[in-house]
Amino acid sequence: MGLPKSVVIYEVGPREGFQIEDGPISTNDKVNLVNGLSETGLTSIEVTSFVSPKWVPQMADAEEVLSQIKRKDGVSYRTVYLNIKGLHRAYQNSVTLDGVLMLTASNMFSKRNTNKDIKEALSTIPSWIQAYKEYKIPVEQIAVMAAFGCNFEGDIEQKRILDILRQTIQMAQENGETIQKIKLADTMGWANPQQIKNMIYMIRNEWPQIKILLHLHDTRGLGMANAYAAMEEGVNEFETALGGLGGCPFAAVKGAAGNIATEDFVFMCMELGIGTGINLNLLIENASVTERIVGHSLPGHLLRGGLLRK
C-alpha cells in the first residue's frame, strides 16, 4: 500500500514501563513525567493501570497519579484494566475510556495474566459489553495479546487469531456493537516483518473496513523492522514507550528490551517524511529524565546516538 503520510502514536511508557520496574517509582516522578510528555505533542498517554497492587505493586497509586497530573487540552489520558472492577475505577477517575474487548492468543499466558484461558475469557465478553453499555461507551475495539507468539506456549497459529476475532466480532454484533479497530500486541517479541505483513493481509482480507493498531515489543531486536513492515502495508497507529520502557511482568523475559522506543520510532518517521506532530527534542529530554527516574539505562537508541546533525 505504501507508507502512510502520518502516524498516530499512543504513548504507553508511564504505565507499561513503570509496571515492570523492581524498585518503587514515586508518585511525584510519575506525575512529572506525564506532565512532561503532555508538552511534546503526543495526543495519547497511558498513565497507569487499575490492577491489584498485590500482583502489580508499582500501580498501587493509580488514583493519586491521575488526581495530580496536569491535563492538557487535546491529550487523551488512558489507563489499563483487566477486569470490570478496574473499568469501574477508571470511570471514576476521569480518563479516556475506549470500549476495548481484551483477549490473549496464548492459553498459558492468558492464565498467568488474567487467570482465565481463552475459552473462559471469551465467555466474559457479553458481560464486558454490558458494563460498557452502562457507561454509554461504544464497544469498537478488540485487543489481542501475544498475537504473534508466546514464551510459554511457543508459536501462535494465525488461524487461532482469526478464530478469536471472528467469535468476538460476532458477539459484539449480537449485542448491537460494531468493531472498528483491532489491536495486535506482540507482547513477548516473537513477530518478524513477514509475519506482521501476513497477519495484516489476513485480517484485511476478511475485515477490510477495520483499522489495525500495533503494539510492538523489541524483545529480540525486531521491533522497528516490524513497525516499518506494518507501515509499508499502510498501518498508521502504533503504541510505543518512551526510552524503550516496558515489558510484561508475567512474560518471563526479565531484563529484555521493552516496547519500541517512542523517540526512535518518531525519528524513523521523520527520516521517512512521515508526520507525527511530535517535538522530538522534547521527547528525548523526557526519555533522559526517565532514565534518571528508573535508575538504569534504557534501550532507546537516540538516548545514546543523538539526532543527526545535517
Protein backbone atom coordinates (compact mmCIF):
# COMPACT_ATOMS: atom_id res chain seq x y z
CA MET A 1 0.00 0.00 0.00
CA GLY A 2 2.93 2.37 0.53
CA LEU A 3 4.00 4.32 3.60
CA PRO A 4 1.37 6.48 5.36
CA LYS A 5 1.63 10.26 5.26
CA SER A 6 1.29 10.45 9.04
CA VAL A 7 1.03 8.18 12.07
CA VAL A 8 -0.84 8.25 15.36
CA ILE A 9 1.31 7.34 18.36
CA TYR A 10 -0.12 6.14 21.66
CA GLU A 11 2.45 6.54 24.43
CA VAL A 12 2.34 3.67 26.96
CA GLY A 13 5.61 4.19 28.85
CA PRO A 14 4.29 5.57 32.15
CA ARG A 15 2.06 2.51 32.54
CA GLU A 16 3.80 -0.34 30.78
CA GLY A 17 7.26 0.91 31.63
CA PHE A 18 6.89 1.52 35.31
CA GLN A 19 4.87 -1.64 36.00
CA ILE A 20 7.93 -3.81 35.38
CA GLU A 21 10.47 -1.86 37.40
CA ASP A 22 11.84 -3.56 40.52
CA GLY A 23 12.15 -0.50 42.69
CA PRO A 24 9.26 1.79 43.58
CA ILE A 25 8.68 4.84 41.40
CA SER A 26 7.44 7.82 43.39
CA THR A 27 4.04 9.28 42.61
CA ASN A 28 5.69 12.65 42.09
CA ASP A 29 8.07 11.26 39.46
CA LYS A 30 5.18 9.63 37.62
CA VAL A 31 3.18 12.85 37.65
CA ASN A 32 6.11 14.94 36.44
CA LEU A 33 6.82 12.53 33.59
CA VAL A 34 3.22 12.55 32.39
CA ASN A 35 3.19 16.34 32.58
CA GLY A 36 6.39 16.48 30.56
CA LEU A 37 5.05 14.11 27.92
CA SER A 38 1.91 16.24 27.63
CA GLU A 39 4.08 19.06 26.23
CA THR A 40 5.72 17.01 23.46
CA GLY A 41 2.82 16.90 21.01
CA LEU A 42 1.72 13.41 22.00
CA THR A 43 -2.07 13.18 21.88
CA SER A 44 -2.49 9.98 23.93
CA ILE A 45 -0.69 8.91 27.10
CA GLU A 46 -1.33 5.70 29.01
CA VAL A 47 -0.82 6.88 32.56
CA THR A 48 -1.38 3.88 34.83
CA SER A 49 -3.40 0.70 35.28
CA PHE A 50 -6.16 -0.36 37.62
CA VAL A 51 -4.92 -3.75 38.70
CA SER A 52 -4.43 -5.46 42.03
CA PRO A 53 -1.50 -3.93 43.94
CA LYS A 54 -0.86 -7.45 45.24
CA TRP A 55 0.25 -8.54 41.76
CA VAL A 56 1.48 -5.21 40.35
CA PRO A 57 2.52 -3.08 43.34
CA GLN A 58 4.03 -0.41 41.10
CA MET A 59 0.49 0.65 40.11
CA ALA A 60 -0.86 0.97 43.65
CA ASP A 61 -1.01 4.78 43.39
CA ALA A 62 -3.18 4.89 40.25
CA GLU A 63 -5.80 7.23 41.71
CA GLU A 64 -3.18 9.56 43.20
CA VAL A 65 -1.32 9.91 39.91
CA LEU A 66 -4.50 10.65 37.96
CA SER A 67 -5.65 13.22 40.51
CA GLN A 68 -2.33 15.11 40.38
CA ILE A 69 -1.40 15.23 36.69
CA LYS A 70 -1.89 18.49 34.80
CA ARG A 71 -4.28 17.64 31.98
CA LYS A 72 -3.63 19.38 28.70
CA ASP A 73 -6.34 20.07 26.14
CA GLY A 74 -6.07 17.79 23.14
CA VAL A 75 -4.35 14.99 25.07
CA SER A 76 -6.16 11.78 26.00
CA TYR A 77 -5.15 10.22 29.31
CA ARG A 78 -5.76 6.48 29.30
CA THR A 79 -5.43 3.55 31.68
CA VAL A 80 -5.45 -0.25 31.52
CA TYR A 81 -7.87 -2.51 33.39
CA LEU A 82 -8.10 -6.30 33.22
CA ASN A 83 -11.46 -6.79 34.91
CA ILE A 84 -14.76 -4.95 35.25
CA LYS A 85 -13.86 -3.72 38.72
CA GLY A 86 -10.88 -1.97 37.11
CA LEU A 87 -13.19 -0.46 34.49
CA HIS A 88 -15.37 0.99 37.26
CA ARG A 89 -12.28 2.52 38.92
CA ALA A 90 -11.18 4.00 35.60
CA TYR A 91 -14.60 5.55 35.00
CA GLN A 92 -14.47 7.22 38.41
CA ASN A 93 -11.13 8.85 37.62
CA SER A 94 -12.00 10.84 34.50
CA VAL A 95 -9.83 9.08 31.93
CA THR A 96 -10.46 8.48 28.23
CA LEU A 97 -12.31 5.18 28.04
CA ASP A 98 -12.23 3.08 24.91
CA GLY A 99 -14.65 0.19 24.54
CA VAL A 100 -11.95 -2.46 24.24
CA LEU A 101 -12.52 -6.21 24.46
CA MET A 102 -9.22 -7.70 25.66
CA LEU A 103 -8.17 -11.25 24.88
CA THR A 104 -4.97 -13.27 24.73
CA ALA A 105 -3.97 -15.67 21.95
CA SER A 106 -1.95 -17.94 24.27
CA ASN A 107 -3.81 -20.13 26.76
CA MET A 108 -0.81 -20.37 29.06
CA PHE A 109 -0.12 -16.64 29.08
CA SER A 110 -3.79 -15.82 29.45
CA LYS A 111 -3.91 -17.95 32.59
CA ARG A 112 -0.81 -16.27 34.01
CA ASN A 113 -2.00 -12.77 33.19
CA THR A 114 -5.76 -12.93 33.87
CA ASN A 115 -6.31 -16.36 35.48
CA LYS A 116 -8.54 -17.35 32.54
CA ASP A 117 -7.83 -19.43 29.45
CA ILE A 118 -9.02 -18.31 26.02
CA LYS A 119 -12.38 -20.06 26.24
CA GLU A 120 -13.06 -18.62 29.69
CA ALA A 121 -12.04 -15.14 28.54
CA LEU A 122 -14.36 -15.34 25.53
CA SER A 123 -17.23 -16.29 27.82
CA THR A 124 -16.83 -12.95 29.66
CA ILE A 125 -17.28 -10.83 26.51
CA PRO A 126 -21.06 -10.30 26.94
CA SER A 127 -20.56 -9.06 30.50
CA TRP A 128 -17.84 -6.66 29.32
CA ILE A 129 -20.14 -5.30 26.63
CA GLN A 130 -22.90 -4.82 29.19
CA ALA A 131 -20.53 -2.99 31.53
CA TYR A 132 -19.52 -0.62 28.73
CA LYS A 133 -23.17 -0.05 27.85
CA GLU A 134 -23.84 1.03 31.45
CA TYR A 135 -21.36 3.86 30.91
CA LYS A 136 -22.59 4.57 27.36
CA ILE A 137 -19.20 3.62 25.91
CA PRO A 138 -19.42 2.13 22.40
CA VAL A 139 -17.52 -1.14 22.02
CA GLU A 140 -15.33 -0.53 18.99
CA GLN A 141 -12.02 -2.30 19.56
CA ILE A 142 -10.61 -5.78 20.12
CA ALA A 143 -7.15 -6.17 21.61
CA VAL A 144 -5.31 -9.49 21.27
CA MET A 145 -2.22 -10.03 23.44
CA ALA A 146 0.58 -12.44 22.49
CA ALA A 147 -0.75 -12.33 18.94
CA PHE A 148 2.48 -13.48 17.31
CA GLY A 149 3.99 -15.94 19.78
CA CYS A 150 4.44 -16.78 23.45
CA ASN A 151 7.44 -17.56 25.65
CA PHE A 152 5.40 -20.26 27.38
CA GLU A 153 3.43 -21.74 24.51
CA GLY A 154 5.64 -21.05 21.50
CA ASP A 155 4.35 -20.12 18.05
CA ILE A 156 0.75 -18.98 17.80
CA GLU A 157 -1.09 -20.08 14.67
CA GLN A 158 -2.60 -17.20 12.73
CA LYS A 159 -5.72 -19.32 12.39
CA ARG A 160 -6.20 -19.04 16.16
CA ILE A 161 -6.08 -15.25 15.96
CA LEU A 162 -8.71 -15.23 13.24
CA ASP A 163 -10.93 -17.61 15.22
CA ILE A 164 -10.71 -15.36 18.29
CA LEU A 165 -11.51 -12.30 16.21
CA ARG A 166 -14.46 -13.96 14.46
CA GLN A 167 -16.04 -15.07 17.73
CA THR A 168 -15.54 -11.69 19.38
CA ILE A 169 -16.80 -9.68 16.41
CA GLN A 170 -19.88 -11.89 16.24
CA MET A 171 -20.62 -11.45 19.95
CA ALA A 172 -20.22 -7.70 19.58
CA GLN A 173 -22.66 -7.68 16.64
CA GLU A 174 -25.17 -9.77 18.58
CA ASN A 175 -25.08 -7.09 21.27
CA GLY A 176 -25.51 -4.21 18.84
CA GLU A 177 -21.86 -3.15 18.72
CA THR A 178 -19.58 -2.68 15.69
CA ILE A 179 -15.85 -3.35 15.93
CA GLN A 180 -13.86 -0.68 14.13
CA LYS A 181 -10.30 -1.42 15.25
CA ILE A 182 -8.17 -4.45 16.06
CA LYS A 183 -5.07 -4.07 18.23
CA LEU A 184 -2.46 -6.78 17.87
CA ALA A 185 0.16 -6.93 20.62
CA ASP A 186 3.48 -8.69 20.16
CA THR A 187 3.67 -8.97 23.93
CA MET A 188 6.82 -11.09 24.08
CA GLY A 189 8.62 -10.04 20.92
CA TRP A 190 8.03 -13.05 18.68
CA ALA A 191 7.00 -11.29 15.46
CA ASN A 192 9.11 -10.84 12.35
CA PRO A 193 8.40 -8.45 9.46
CA GLN A 194 6.97 -11.08 7.13
CA GLN A 195 4.72 -12.41 9.89
CA ILE A 196 3.48 -8.87 10.50
CA LYS A 197 2.64 -8.45 6.82
CA ASN A 198 0.90 -11.84 6.66
CA MET A 199 -1.26 -11.05 9.68
CA ILE A 200 -2.25 -7.65 8.33
CA TYR A 201 -3.16 -9.23 4.98
CA MET A 202 -5.28 -11.96 6.59
CA ILE A 203 -7.22 -9.51 8.75
CA ARG A 204 -7.80 -7.06 5.91
CA ASN A 205 -8.85 -9.88 3.61
CA GLU A 206 -11.71 -10.75 5.99
CA TRP A 207 -12.48 -7.34 7.51
CA PRO A 208 -11.26 -4.66 5.09
CA GLN A 209 -13.18 -1.93 6.92
CA ILE A 210 -11.46 -2.49 10.29
CA LYS A 211 -8.37 -0.47 11.23
CA ILE A 212 -5.28 -2.13 12.70
CA LEU A 213 -3.27 -0.83 15.65
CA LEU A 214 0.06 -2.46 16.59
CA HIS A 215 1.71 -2.76 19.99
CA LEU A 216 5.25 -3.96 19.32
CA HIS A 217 7.99 -5.13 21.64
CA ASP A 218 11.68 -5.07 20.82
CA THR A 219 12.50 -8.10 22.96
CA ARG A 220 14.67 -9.71 20.27
CA GLY A 221 15.60 -6.64 18.25
CA LEU A 222 12.94 -6.75 15.51
CA GLY A 223 10.56 -4.13 16.86
CA MET A 224 11.44 -1.28 14.49
CA ALA A 225 11.68 -3.61 11.49
CA ASN A 226 8.20 -4.87 12.34
CA ALA A 227 6.89 -1.29 12.61
CA TYR A 228 8.35 -0.43 9.20
CA ALA A 229 6.85 -3.57 7.65
CA ALA A 230 3.44 -2.59 9.04
CA MET A 231 3.76 0.95 7.70
CA GLU A 232 4.57 -0.46 4.27
CA GLU A 233 1.13 -2.07 4.48
CA GLY A 234 -0.46 1.27 5.37
CA VAL A 235 -0.84 0.76 9.14
CA ASN A 236 -0.56 4.15 10.83
CA GLU A 237 -1.42 3.57 14.51
CA PHE A 238 1.20 2.34 16.98
CA GLU A 239 1.69 2.03 20.72
CA THR A 240 5.23 2.88 21.82
CA ALA A 241 7.07 3.57 25.06
CA LEU A 242 9.45 6.38 25.89
CA GLY A 243 13.07 5.17 26.02
CA GLY A 244 12.01 1.63 25.18
CA LEU A 245 10.47 1.19 28.62
CA GLY A 246 8.24 -1.73 29.31
CA GLY A 247 7.61 -5.39 29.09
CA CYS A 248 5.09 -7.55 30.86
CA PRO A 249 5.84 -8.61 34.46
CA PHE A 250 4.39 -12.05 33.69
CA ALA A 251 6.26 -12.69 30.42
CA ALA A 252 9.43 -14.34 31.84
CA VAL A 253 11.91 -12.19 29.91
CA LYS A 254 13.34 -10.14 32.76
CA GLY A 255 15.96 -7.67 31.57
CA ALA A 256 14.92 -7.80 27.91
CA ALA A 257 14.15 -4.67 25.91
CA GLY A 258 10.59 -3.44 26.23
CA ASN A 259 8.36 -1.68 23.70
CA ILE A 260 9.78 0.07 20.67
CA ALA A 261 11.12 3.41 21.88
CA THR A 262 8.83 6.32 21.09
CA GLU A 263 11.68 8.68 20.24
CA ASP A 264 13.34 6.10 17.94
CA PHE A 265 10.06 5.49 16.13
CA VAL A 266 9.42 9.23 15.76
CA PHE A 267 12.95 9.65 14.41
CA MET A 268 12.41 6.91 11.83
CA CYS A 269 9.15 8.51 10.74
CA MET A 270 10.82 11.91 10.41
CA GLU A 271 13.60 10.44 8.27
CA LEU A 272 10.95 8.86 6.03
CA GLY A 273 8.91 12.04 5.73
CA ILE A 274 6.02 10.64 7.79
CA GLY A 275 4.29 13.18 10.03
CA THR A 276 3.97 12.62 13.79
CA GLY A 277 3.17 16.05 15.22
CA ILE A 278 5.72 15.41 17.99
CA ASN A 279 8.63 17.57 19.17
CA LEU A 280 11.48 15.07 19.06
CA ASN A 281 13.91 17.16 21.09
CA LEU A 282 11.42 17.42 23.95
CA LEU A 283 10.74 13.70 23.68
CA ILE A 284 14.44 12.87 24.06
CA GLU A 285 14.67 15.20 27.06
CA ASN A 286 11.82 13.30 28.70
CA ALA A 287 13.48 9.97 27.88
CA SER A 288 16.64 11.20 29.62
CA VAL A 289 14.60 12.21 32.66
CA THR A 290 13.01 8.75 32.66
CA GLU A 291 16.44 7.10 32.84
CA ARG A 292 17.16 9.10 35.98
CA ILE A 293 13.80 8.09 37.45
CA VAL A 294 14.31 4.35 36.93
CA GLY A 295 17.99 4.50 37.85
CA HIS A 296 19.35 2.48 34.92
CA SER A 297 19.98 2.83 31.21
CA LEU A 298 17.12 2.34 28.78
CA PRO A 299 17.37 0.62 25.39
CA GLY A 300 16.30 3.60 23.28
CA HIS A 301 18.94 4.37 20.63
CA LEU A 302 18.59 8.15 20.37
CA LEU A 303 19.49 8.46 24.05
CA ARG A 304 22.99 7.35 23.04
CA GLY A 305 23.30 8.22 19.37
CA GLY A 306 21.57 11.57 19.38
CA LEU A 307 19.95 13.27 16.41
CA LEU A 308 21.60 13.64 13.02
CA ARG A 309 23.41 16.96 12.61
CA LYS A 310 22.85 17.59 8.92
